[in-house]
Amino acid sequence: MAKTAIKTIIRRKRQVRVRKKVRGTSTRPRLSVFKSSRHIYAQLIDDTKGATLATASTMSSAAGTLDYTGNINAAVFVGKEIAKEALSKGFSSVVFDRNGFLYHGRIKALADSARESGLNF
């Protein structure tokens, strides 16, 4: 089995384990984060309705000012953007879902910048 396949399986196991406990509601949505080698994405999700309430990513037109979209600076940008979206829609508190990724590097940078921008989790 290839190394990347094993890493993916391990991340999926972590994702299932965390998702058992983390649920988003209409008053406190789930902030789900996904990262690829080139981009990082964040969504606010209401699990009771199965609806995405807000999104931010390095694929958006506002991210055009970034030199590279797969680093910590890009994650900080996305954290600020998702916090701005959440606050504009009236959500000040969220449940953080790291989506099976380890809490360091870009995931931690996104979470810290969202907290600094006014989100509570």
C-alpha atoms as a PDB file:
ATOM      1  CA  MET A   1       0.000   0.000   0.000  1.00  0.00           C
ATOM      2  CA  ALA A   2       1.288   3.462  -0.865  1.00  0.00           C
ATOM      3  CA  LYS A   3       2.286   5.849   1.872  1.00  0.00           C
ATOM      4  CA  THR A   4      -0.342   8.430   0.859  1.00  0.00           C
ATOM      5  CA  ALA A   5      -3.096   5.811   1.005  1.00  0.00           C
ATOM      6  CA  ILE A   6      -2.114   4.864   4.547  1.00  0.00           C
ATOM      7  CA  LYS A   7      -2.035   8.513   5.610  1.00  0.00           C
ATOM      8  CA  THR A   8      -5.506   9.015   4.129  1.00  0.00           C
ATOM      9  CA  ILE A   9      -6.892   5.989   5.972  1.00  0.00           C
ATOM     10  CA  ILE A  10      -5.445   7.203   9.270  1.00  0.00           C
ATOM     11  CA  ARG A  11      -6.933  10.691   8.697  1.00  0.00           C
ATOM     12  CA  ARG A  12     -10.355   9.173   7.890  1.00  0.00           C
ATOM     13  CA  LYS A  13     -10.286   7.203  11.160  1.00  0.00           C
ATOM     14  CA  ARG A  14      -9.458  10.383  13.067  1.00  0.00           C
ATOM     15  CA  GLN A  15     -12.194  12.220  11.182  1.00  0.00           C
ATOM     16  CA  VAL A  16     -14.857   9.650  12.134  1.00  0.00           C
ATOM     17  CA  ARG A  17     -13.731   9.654  15.764  1.00  0.00           C
ATOM     18  CA  VAL A  18     -13.960  13.446  16.031  1.00  0.00           C
ATOM     19  CA  ARG A  19     -17.214  13.711  14.044  1.00  0.00           C
ATOM     20  CA  LYS A  20     -19.007  11.473  16.581  1.00  0.00           C
ATOM     21  CA  LYS A  21     -18.669  14.234  19.157  1.00  0.00           C
ATOM     22  CA  VAL A  22     -18.757  17.408  17.039  1.00  0.00           C
ATOM     23  CA  ARG A  23     -22.159  18.530  15.721  1.00  0.00           C
ATOM     24  CA  GLY A  24     -23.161  21.931  14.385  1.00  0.00           C
ATOM     25  CA  THR A  25     -26.530  23.508  15.171  1.00  0.00           C
ATOM     26  CA  SER A  26     -28.342  26.532  13.793  1.00  0.00           C
ATOM     27  CA  THR A  27     -27.165  28.627  16.765  1.00  0.00           C
ATOM     28  CA  ARG A  28     -23.616  27.200  16.923  1.00  0.00           C
ATOM     29  CA  PRO A  29     -22.513  25.871  13.511  1.00  0.00           C
ATOM     30  CA  ARG A  30     -19.568  23.581  12.838  1.00  0.00           C
ATOM     31  CA  LEU A  31     -16.453  25.229  11.392  1.00  0.00           C
ATOM     32  CA  SER A  32     -15.065  22.522   9.117  1.00  0.00           C
ATOM     33  CA  VAL A  33     -11.561  22.928   7.695  1.00  0.00           C
ATOM     34  CA  PHE A  34     -10.026  21.073   4.754  1.00  0.00           C
ATOM     35  CA  LYS A  35      -6.525  21.490   3.409  1.00  0.00           C
ATOM     36  CA  SER A  36      -4.876  20.249   0.267  1.00  0.00           C
ATOM     37  CA  SER A  37      -1.297  20.784  -0.792  1.00  0.00           C
ATOM     38  CA  ARG A  38      -2.245  23.956  -2.686  1.00  0.00           C
ATOM     39  CA  HIS A  39      -5.335  25.371  -0.961  1.00  0.00           C
ATOM     40  CA  ILE A  40      -7.238  25.582   2.323  1.00  0.00           C
ATOM     41  CA  TYR A  41     -11.005  25.731   2.724  1.00  0.00           C
ATOM     42  CA  ALA A  42     -13.337  26.557   5.642  1.00  0.00           C
ATOM     43  CA  GLN A  43     -17.107  26.108   5.910  1.00  0.00           C
ATOM     44  CA  LEU A  44     -19.749  26.878   8.507  1.00  0.00           C
ATOM     45  CA  ILE A  45     -22.169  23.949   8.529  1.00  0.00           C
ATOM     46  CA  ASP A  46     -25.541  23.457  10.229  1.00  0.00           C
ATOM     47  CA  ASP A  47     -25.743  19.672  10.702  1.00  0.00           C
ATOM     48  CA  THR A  48     -29.388  19.697  11.772  1.00  0.00           C
ATOM     49  CA  LYS A  49     -30.448  21.084   8.368  1.00  0.00           C
ATOM     50  CA  GLY A  50     -27.509  19.710   6.409  1.00  0.00           C
ATOM     51  CA  ALA A  51     -26.768  23.159   5.033  1.00  0.00           C
ATOM     52  CA  THR A  52     -23.616  25.164   4.462  1.00  0.00           C
ATOM     53  CA  LEU A  53     -24.052  28.635   5.955  1.00  0.00           C
ATOM     54  CA  ALA A  54     -20.803  30.338   4.881  1.00  0.00           C
ATOM     55  CA  THR A  55     -17.563  29.505   3.098  1.00  0.00           C
ATOM     56  CA  ALA A  56     -14.086  30.922   2.681  1.00  0.00           C
ATOM     57  CA  SER A  57     -11.103  29.561   0.815  1.00  0.00           C
ATOM     58  CA  THR A  58      -7.952  30.445  -1.036  1.00  0.00           C
ATOM     59  CA  MET A  59      -9.895  29.796  -4.252  1.00  0.00           C
ATOM     60  CA  SER A  60     -11.998  32.950  -3.746  1.00  0.00           C
ATOM     61  CA  SER A  61     -11.356  36.110  -5.705  1.00  0.00           C
ATOM     62  CA  ALA A  62     -10.359  37.942  -2.516  1.00  0.00           C
ATOM     63  CA  ALA A  63      -7.373  35.605  -2.178  1.00  0.00           C
ATOM     64  CA  GLY A  64      -5.856  36.995  -5.354  1.00  0.00           C
ATOM     65  CA  THR A  65      -3.499  39.123  -3.281  1.00  0.00           C
ATOM     66  CA  LEU A  66      -1.737  36.052  -1.870  1.00  0.00           C
ATOM     67  CA  ASP A  67       1.591  35.007  -3.367  1.00  0.00           C
ATOM     68  CA  TYR A  68       1.073  31.313  -2.591  1.00  0.00           C
ATOM     69  CA  THR A  69      -2.132  29.651  -1.370  1.00  0.00           C
ATOM     70  CA  GLY A  70      -0.712  26.567   0.368  1.00  0.00           C
ATOM     71  CA  ASN A  71       1.093  28.134   3.328  1.00  0.00           C
ATOM     72  CA  ILE A  72       0.410  29.545   6.783  1.00  0.00           C
ATOM     73  CA  ASN A  73      -0.165  33.089   5.469  1.00  0.00           C
ATOM     74  CA  ALA A  74      -2.982  31.766   3.308  1.00  0.00           C
ATOM     75  CA  ALA A  75      -4.478  29.914   6.291  1.00  0.00           C
ATOM     76  CA  VAL A  76      -4.433  33.123   8.346  1.00  0.00           C
ATOM     77  CA  PHE A  77      -6.217  34.906   5.483  1.00  0.00           C
ATOM     78  CA  VAL A  78      -8.932  32.211   5.300  1.00  0.00           C
ATOM     79  CA  GLY A  79      -9.377  32.310   9.096  1.00  0.00           C
ATOM     80  CA  LYS A  80     -10.015  36.040   8.982  1.00  0.00           C
ATOM     81  CA  GLU A  81     -12.392  35.687   6.040  1.00  0.00           C
ATOM     82  CA  ILE A  82     -14.502  32.917   7.631  1.00  0.00           C
ATOM     83  CA  ALA A  83     -14.691  34.881  10.887  1.00  0.00           C
ATOM     84  CA  LYS A  84     -15.856  37.961   8.983  1.00  0.00           C
ATOM     85  CA  GLU A  85     -18.507  35.872   7.160  1.00  0.00           C
ATOM     86  CA  ALA A  86     -19.683  34.249  10.406  1.00  0.00           C
ATOM     87  CA  LEU A  87     -19.962  37.518  12.294  1.00  0.00           C
ATOM     88  CA  SER A  88     -21.828  39.172   9.421  1.00  0.00           C
ATOM     89  CA  LYS A  89     -24.379  36.320   9.506  1.00  0.00           C
ATOM     90  CA  GLY A  90     -24.776  36.594  13.285  1.00  0.00           C
ATOM     91  CA  PHE A  91     -22.664  33.656  14.487  1.00  0.00           C
ATOM     92  CA  SER A  92     -20.171  34.501  17.194  1.00  0.00           C
ATOM     93  CA  SER A  93     -19.663  30.982  18.520  1.00  0.00           C
ATOM     94  CA  VAL A  94     -18.787  27.864  16.492  1.00  0.00           C
ATOM     95  CA  VAL A  95     -17.693  24.264  17.024  1.00  0.00           C
ATOM     96  CA  PHE A  96     -14.269  23.607  15.460  1.00  0.00           C
ATOM     97  CA  ASP A  97     -13.905  20.522  13.256  1.00  0.00           C
ATOM     98  CA  ARG A  98     -10.333  19.937  12.116  1.00  0.00           C
ATOM     99  CA  ASN A  99     -11.596  17.217   9.757  1.00  0.00           C
ATOM    100  CA  GLY A 100      -9.080  14.602  10.893  1.00  0.00           C
ATOM    101  CA  PHE A 101      -6.043  16.814  10.365  1.00  0.00           C
ATOM    102  CA  LEU A 102      -3.565  17.260  13.196  1.00  0.00           C
ATOM    103  CA  TYR A 103      -3.895  20.562  15.067  1.00  0.00           C
ATOM    104  CA  HIS A 104      -0.687  22.303  14.032  1.00  0.00           C
ATOM    105  CA  GLY A 105       0.651  24.282  11.101  1.00  0.00           C
ATOM    106  CA  ARG A 106      -2.000  25.618   8.744  1.00  0.00           C
ATOM    107  CA  ILE A 107      -4.951  24.244  10.747  1.00  0.00           C
ATOM    108  CA  LYS A 108      -3.724  25.934  13.929  1.00  0.00           C
ATOM    109  CA  ALA A 109      -2.993  29.188  12.064  1.00  0.00           C
ATOM    110  CA  LEU A 110      -6.519  29.261  10.628  1.00  0.00           C
ATOM    111  CA  ALA A 111      -8.074  28.601  14.044  1.00  0.00           C
ATOM    112  CA  ASP A 112      -5.944  31.237  15.775  1.00  0.00           C
ATOM    113  CA  SER A 113      -6.723  33.919  13.196  1.00  0.00           C
ATOM    114  CA  ALA A 114     -10.453  33.137  13.387  1.00  0.00           C
ATOM    115  CA  ARG A 115     -10.287  33.509  17.181  1.00  0.00           C
ATOM    116  CA  GLU A 116      -8.409  36.805  16.893  1.00  0.00           C
ATOM    117  CA  SER A 117     -11.043  38.050  14.462  1.00  0.00           C
ATOM    118  CA  GLY A 118     -13.847  37.464  16.974  1.00  0.00           C
ATOM    119  CA  LEU A 119     -15.042  33.848  16.744  1.00  0.00           C
ATOM    120  CA  ASN A 120     -15.416  31.814  19.939  1.00  0.00           C
ATOM    121  CA  PHE A 121     -14.689  28.080  20.008  1.00  0.00           C
END
